[in-house]
Every structure is written in structure tokens, then in C-alpha cells.
Amino acid sequence: RSFRVSPMPLSALALLRTDLLAIGGHDNAVTLYSASSGSALSKCLAHADTVTSLAVSPCRAVLVSGSRDQSVRTWAFTNASLKNDETFDDIQQPITSAGASTNLVLAGGGDG
């Protein structure tokens, strides 16, 4: 089964739960998406540039997004909503990868 999720190219994807995805791309948004219904459940336009990375913590409680806008954001999520919890914007380069553990947020850029 396939769905058209966005008219814009996608650059990041994270599986949050069996049927729940987070997607990010060139529309600068983080979108919560239901794979079973094929529809967007919540969309947040928090970044100022392309979302390049999405990751979920091992306990599945926190989503992390990274962007070309040089910021990393943490998100609380439910089955139908996203809420931006914290923003780290003191990074001096576009984010190419992001990750999360139980109490740690990681981000990487072009300079390693």
C-alpha cells in the first residue's frame, strides 16, 4: 500500500509506533502521519528550513528534529498531536543528523 504524503520532497522519517510516523522535508514541517488511514494527523511548521533528520528516543516518549536552519527541536507527541518542547538554536551549521536517548539529545553537522 502506498500513499502520497506531501507534494514536497521528504528528507526525514521516523517510526514512532507501529502505525504512527513522523515525516519531515522541504516544507520545513514536522508532520505526524497515520500509516493505516493514509492521512496527516498533525503538522507543525516550526523550522525555518528543510527538516533533515528525525529520531525517536528508545522509550518512544520524545521525538527530535534537526534542520538546515541550524536548530534541533524536541517534541512531545500523542497519537494525534505534536508539541514543540525545547529548541536548541545555538548551533552554527545546518544539522545533518539528530538522535535521542533517555536523557540526551545528539546532533551532527557538516564539520563532524
N, C-alpha and C. Protein backbone atom coordinates (compact mmCIF):
# COMPACT_ATOMS: atom_id res chain seq x y z
N ARG A 1 0.85 -1.18 0.00
CA ARG A 1 0.00 0.00 0.00
C ARG A 1 0.89 1.23 0.00
N SER A 2 0.58 2.18 -0.84
CA SER A 2 1.38 3.40 -0.88
C SER A 2 0.47 4.63 -0.83
N PHE A 3 1.03 5.71 -0.28
CA PHE A 3 0.30 6.96 -0.14
C PHE A 3 1.18 8.10 -0.62
N ARG A 4 0.56 9.13 -1.13
CA ARG A 4 1.28 10.37 -1.40
C ARG A 4 1.16 11.21 -0.14
N VAL A 5 2.26 11.46 0.50
CA VAL A 5 2.26 12.12 1.79
C VAL A 5 2.38 13.64 1.65
N SER A 6 3.18 14.08 0.68
CA SER A 6 3.45 15.50 0.56
C SER A 6 3.80 15.83 -0.88
N PRO A 7 3.42 17.01 -1.35
CA PRO A 7 3.85 17.43 -2.68
C PRO A 7 5.33 17.84 -2.69
N MET A 8 5.89 18.08 -1.53
CA MET A 8 7.29 18.47 -1.38
C MET A 8 8.13 17.21 -1.13
N PRO A 9 9.40 17.24 -1.55
CA PRO A 9 10.28 16.08 -1.27
C PRO A 9 10.46 15.87 0.24
N LEU A 10 10.48 14.61 0.64
CA LEU A 10 10.72 14.25 2.04
C LEU A 10 12.20 13.98 2.25
N SER A 11 12.70 14.34 3.43
CA SER A 11 14.11 14.10 3.72
C SER A 11 14.34 13.41 5.05
N ALA A 12 13.27 13.19 5.82
CA ALA A 12 13.41 12.55 7.13
C ALA A 12 12.16 11.76 7.47
N LEU A 13 12.37 10.64 8.16
CA LEU A 13 11.28 9.77 8.55
C LEU A 13 11.64 9.07 9.84
N ALA A 14 10.69 8.96 10.75
CA ALA A 14 10.90 8.21 11.99
C ALA A 14 9.63 7.42 12.30
N LEU A 15 9.79 6.15 12.62
CA LEU A 15 8.67 5.31 13.03
C LEU A 15 8.50 5.48 14.54
N LEU A 16 7.39 6.09 14.95
CA LEU A 16 7.15 6.36 16.36
C LEU A 16 6.48 5.19 17.05
N ARG A 17 5.51 4.62 16.37
CA ARG A 17 4.80 3.43 16.84
C ARG A 17 4.44 2.62 15.61
N THR A 18 3.83 1.48 15.78
CA THR A 18 3.53 0.59 14.66
C THR A 18 2.82 1.31 13.51
N ASP A 19 1.89 2.17 13.82
CA ASP A 19 1.09 2.84 12.80
C ASP A 19 1.32 4.35 12.74
N LEU A 20 2.28 4.85 13.48
CA LEU A 20 2.47 6.29 13.61
C LEU A 20 3.86 6.70 13.13
N LEU A 21 3.90 7.60 12.16
CA LEU A 21 5.15 8.07 11.59
C LEU A 21 5.31 9.56 11.81
N ALA A 22 6.54 10.00 11.88
CA ALA A 22 6.84 11.43 11.80
C ALA A 22 7.60 11.61 10.49
N ILE A 23 7.22 12.61 9.72
CA ILE A 23 7.90 12.89 8.46
C ILE A 23 8.34 14.34 8.43
N GLY A 24 9.41 14.61 7.73
CA GLY A 24 9.91 15.96 7.59
C GLY A 24 10.49 16.14 6.20
N GLY A 25 10.51 17.37 5.72
CA GLY A 25 11.03 17.59 4.38
C GLY A 25 11.22 19.05 4.04
N HIS A 26 11.11 19.33 2.76
CA HIS A 26 11.39 20.65 2.23
C HIS A 26 10.30 21.67 2.52
N ASP A 27 9.20 21.25 3.13
CA ASP A 27 8.17 22.21 3.53
C ASP A 27 8.43 22.79 4.91
N ASN A 28 9.58 22.42 5.52
CA ASN A 28 10.03 22.92 6.83
C ASN A 28 9.16 22.43 7.99
N ALA A 29 8.32 21.45 7.76
CA ALA A 29 7.37 20.99 8.77
C ALA A 29 7.75 19.62 9.31
N VAL A 30 7.30 19.37 10.53
CA VAL A 30 7.30 18.03 11.11
C VAL A 30 5.84 17.62 11.13
N THR A 31 5.54 16.49 10.50
CA THR A 31 4.15 16.04 10.37
C THR A 31 3.98 14.67 10.98
N LEU A 32 2.95 14.53 11.79
CA LEU A 32 2.57 13.25 12.37
C LEU A 32 1.61 12.60 11.38
N TYR A 33 1.86 11.35 11.03
CA TYR A 33 1.16 10.71 9.93
C TYR A 33 0.69 9.31 10.33
N SER A 34 -0.55 8.99 10.00
CA SER A 34 -1.10 7.66 10.25
C SER A 34 -0.92 6.79 9.01
N ALA A 35 -0.21 5.69 9.14
CA ALA A 35 0.00 4.79 8.02
C ALA A 35 -1.26 4.02 7.67
N SER A 36 -2.11 3.74 8.64
CA SER A 36 -3.31 2.96 8.34
C SER A 36 -4.38 3.79 7.63
N SER A 37 -4.54 5.04 8.01
CA SER A 37 -5.56 5.86 7.36
C SER A 37 -5.00 6.63 6.16
N GLY A 38 -3.68 6.74 6.09
CA GLY A 38 -3.07 7.48 4.98
C GLY A 38 -3.25 8.97 5.08
N SER A 39 -3.34 9.48 6.31
CA SER A 39 -3.59 10.92 6.46
C SER A 39 -2.69 11.54 7.51
N ALA A 40 -2.50 12.85 7.36
CA ALA A 40 -1.74 13.62 8.34
C ALA A 40 -2.63 13.87 9.55
N LEU A 41 -2.07 13.68 10.74
CA LEU A 41 -2.81 13.88 11.98
C LEU A 41 -2.51 15.23 12.61
N SER A 42 -1.28 15.69 12.43
CA SER A 42 -0.85 16.97 12.99
C SER A 42 0.36 17.46 12.20
N LYS A 43 0.45 18.76 11.99
CA LYS A 43 1.57 19.33 11.24
C LYS A 43 2.04 20.60 11.94
N CYS A 44 3.35 20.69 12.18
CA CYS A 44 3.93 21.85 12.84
C CYS A 44 5.01 22.48 11.95
N LEU A 45 4.84 23.74 11.64
CA LEU A 45 5.81 24.48 10.84
C LEU A 45 6.73 25.25 11.78
N ALA A 46 7.59 24.54 12.47
CA ALA A 46 8.45 25.17 13.47
C ALA A 46 9.82 25.54 12.93
N HIS A 47 10.32 24.81 11.95
CA HIS A 47 11.64 25.07 11.40
C HIS A 47 11.57 26.13 10.30
N ALA A 48 12.67 26.83 10.10
CA ALA A 48 12.75 27.87 9.07
C ALA A 48 13.36 27.36 7.77
N ASP A 49 13.78 26.09 7.74
CA ASP A 49 14.36 25.49 6.55
C ASP A 49 14.07 23.99 6.57
N THR A 50 14.55 23.27 5.60
CA THR A 50 14.29 21.84 5.43
C THR A 50 14.58 21.03 6.69
N VAL A 51 13.66 20.16 7.06
CA VAL A 51 13.89 19.20 8.14
C VAL A 51 14.74 18.08 7.56
N THR A 52 15.93 17.89 8.11
CA THR A 52 16.89 16.94 7.56
C THR A 52 17.00 15.65 8.35
N SER A 53 16.50 15.65 9.58
CA SER A 53 16.68 14.47 10.43
C SER A 53 15.55 14.37 11.45
N LEU A 54 15.09 13.15 11.68
CA LEU A 54 14.12 12.86 12.73
C LEU A 54 14.57 11.61 13.46
N ALA A 55 14.40 11.59 14.77
CA ALA A 55 14.74 10.41 15.58
C ALA A 55 13.81 10.37 16.78
N VAL A 56 13.56 9.17 17.27
CA VAL A 56 12.72 8.99 18.44
C VAL A 56 13.56 8.34 19.54
N SER A 57 13.30 8.74 20.78
CA SER A 57 14.03 8.18 21.90
C SER A 57 13.66 6.71 22.08
N PRO A 58 14.54 5.92 22.70
CA PRO A 58 14.26 4.49 22.90
C PRO A 58 12.97 4.22 23.67
N CYS A 59 12.60 5.10 24.58
CA CYS A 59 11.37 4.90 25.34
C CYS A 59 10.14 5.38 24.57
N ARG A 60 10.35 5.90 23.36
CA ARG A 60 9.28 6.37 22.47
C ARG A 60 8.49 7.54 23.06
N ALA A 61 9.13 8.33 23.90
CA ALA A 61 8.44 9.47 24.52
C ALA A 61 8.80 10.80 23.88
N VAL A 62 9.95 10.88 23.22
CA VAL A 62 10.43 12.15 22.67
C VAL A 62 10.85 11.96 21.22
N LEU A 63 10.42 12.91 20.39
CA LEU A 63 10.85 12.99 19.00
C LEU A 63 11.84 14.15 18.89
N VAL A 64 12.88 13.99 18.10
CA VAL A 64 13.88 15.03 17.88
C VAL A 64 13.92 15.34 16.38
N SER A 65 13.95 16.63 16.05
CA SER A 65 14.10 17.02 14.64
C SER A 65 15.31 17.93 14.50
N GLY A 66 15.99 17.78 13.37
CA GLY A 66 17.11 18.64 13.02
C GLY A 66 16.84 19.27 11.67
N SER A 67 17.41 20.45 11.43
CA SER A 67 17.08 21.19 10.22
C SER A 67 18.27 21.94 9.65
N ARG A 68 18.15 22.31 8.38
CA ARG A 68 19.15 23.18 7.76
C ARG A 68 19.14 24.57 8.38
N ASP A 69 18.10 24.89 9.15
CA ASP A 69 18.04 26.20 9.81
C ASP A 69 18.96 26.29 11.04
N GLN A 70 19.77 25.27 11.25
CA GLN A 70 20.75 25.21 12.33
C GLN A 70 20.11 25.04 13.71
N SER A 71 18.95 24.40 13.75
CA SER A 71 18.31 24.15 15.04
C SER A 71 17.94 22.68 15.19
N VAL A 72 17.83 22.30 16.46
CA VAL A 72 17.34 20.98 16.85
C VAL A 72 16.18 21.22 17.79
N ARG A 73 15.10 20.49 17.59
CA ARG A 73 13.91 20.66 18.43
C ARG A 73 13.50 19.32 19.02
N THR A 74 12.98 19.35 20.23
CA THR A 74 12.39 18.16 20.83
C THR A 74 10.88 18.34 20.84
N TRP A 75 10.19 17.21 20.67
CA TRP A 75 8.74 17.22 20.55
C TRP A 75 8.13 16.17 21.47
N ALA A 76 7.04 16.54 22.13
CA ALA A 76 6.18 15.58 22.82
C ALA A 76 5.10 15.21 21.80
N PHE A 77 4.68 13.96 21.78
CA PHE A 77 3.65 13.57 20.82
C PHE A 77 2.68 12.58 21.44
N THR A 78 1.47 12.60 20.92
CA THR A 78 0.45 11.60 21.23
C THR A 78 0.05 10.96 19.90
N ASN A 79 -1.00 10.18 19.90
CA ASN A 79 -1.45 9.57 18.66
C ASN A 79 -2.03 10.58 17.67
N ALA A 80 -2.28 11.81 18.11
CA ALA A 80 -2.89 12.79 17.22
C ALA A 80 -2.31 14.20 17.32
N SER A 81 -1.25 14.39 18.11
CA SER A 81 -0.74 15.76 18.25
C SER A 81 0.77 15.80 18.46
N LEU A 82 1.33 16.94 18.10
CA LEU A 82 2.75 17.25 18.30
C LEU A 82 2.86 18.55 19.08
N LYS A 83 3.81 18.61 20.00
CA LYS A 83 4.05 19.85 20.75
C LYS A 83 5.55 20.05 20.87
N ASN A 84 6.04 21.20 20.37
CA ASN A 84 7.45 21.54 20.47
C ASN A 84 7.79 21.84 21.92
N ASP A 85 8.67 21.03 22.51
CA ASP A 85 9.05 21.21 23.91
C ASP A 85 10.23 22.15 24.08
N GLU A 86 11.29 21.89 23.33
CA GLU A 86 12.52 22.64 23.52
C GLU A 86 13.20 22.86 22.18
N THR A 87 13.88 24.01 22.07
CA THR A 87 14.60 24.34 20.83
C THR A 87 16.05 24.66 21.18
N PHE A 88 16.96 24.04 20.45
CA PHE A 88 18.40 24.30 20.58
C PHE A 88 18.82 24.98 19.28
N ASP A 89 19.08 26.29 19.34
CA ASP A 89 19.37 27.03 18.12
C ASP A 89 20.71 27.76 18.16
N ASP A 90 21.60 27.32 19.03
CA ASP A 90 22.92 27.94 19.12
C ASP A 90 23.97 27.17 18.32
N ILE A 91 23.52 26.32 17.41
CA ILE A 91 24.41 25.52 16.58
C ILE A 91 24.76 26.35 15.34
N GLN A 92 26.02 26.36 14.97
CA GLN A 92 26.48 27.27 13.93
C GLN A 92 26.58 26.63 12.54
N GLN A 93 25.79 25.59 12.29
CA GLN A 93 25.82 24.94 10.98
C GLN A 93 24.53 24.15 10.78
N PRO A 94 24.19 23.87 9.53
CA PRO A 94 23.00 23.06 9.28
C PRO A 94 23.13 21.67 9.92
N ILE A 95 22.03 21.16 10.44
CA ILE A 95 22.02 19.85 11.09
C ILE A 95 21.83 18.78 10.02
N THR A 96 22.70 17.76 10.05
CA THR A 96 22.58 16.66 9.09
C THR A 96 22.08 15.38 9.75
N SER A 97 22.19 15.29 11.07
CA SER A 97 21.67 14.11 11.77
C SER A 97 21.35 14.48 13.21
N ALA A 98 20.36 13.80 13.76
CA ALA A 98 19.96 14.04 15.15
C ALA A 98 19.55 12.72 15.77
N GLY A 99 19.70 12.63 17.08
CA GLY A 99 19.33 11.42 17.79
C GLY A 99 18.92 11.75 19.21
N ALA A 100 18.36 10.75 19.88
CA ALA A 100 17.91 10.96 21.26
C ALA A 100 18.08 9.68 22.04
N SER A 101 18.45 9.84 23.31
CA SER A 101 18.43 8.73 24.25
C SER A 101 17.48 9.14 25.37
N THR A 102 17.51 8.43 26.44
CA THR A 102 16.57 8.72 27.53
C THR A 102 16.71 10.14 28.06
N ASN A 103 17.93 10.63 28.23
CA ASN A 103 18.12 11.98 28.77
C ASN A 103 19.18 12.77 28.01
N LEU A 104 19.33 12.49 26.71
CA LEU A 104 20.36 13.14 25.91
C LEU A 104 19.85 13.37 24.49
N VAL A 105 20.13 14.58 23.97
CA VAL A 105 19.81 14.90 22.57
C VAL A 105 21.14 15.09 21.86
N LEU A 106 21.28 14.43 20.71
CA LEU A 106 22.52 14.49 19.93
C LEU A 106 22.24 15.13 18.58
N ALA A 107 23.22 15.87 18.05
CA ALA A 107 23.07 16.46 16.72
C ALA A 107 24.42 16.51 16.05
N GLY A 108 24.42 16.35 14.75
CA GLY A 108 25.65 16.42 13.97
C GLY A 108 25.47 17.33 12.78
N GLY A 109 26.57 17.92 12.34
CA GLY A 109 26.56 18.81 11.19
C GLY A 109 27.65 18.45 10.22
N GLY A 110 27.86 19.31 9.26
CA GLY A 110 28.82 19.07 8.20
C GLY A 110 30.26 19.00 8.63
N ASP A 111 30.61 19.60 9.77
CA ASP A 111 32.00 19.60 10.19
C ASP A 111 32.36 18.42 11.08
N GLY A 112 31.40 17.50 11.28
CA GLY A 112 31.66 16.31 12.08
C GLY A 112 31.40 16.55 13.50
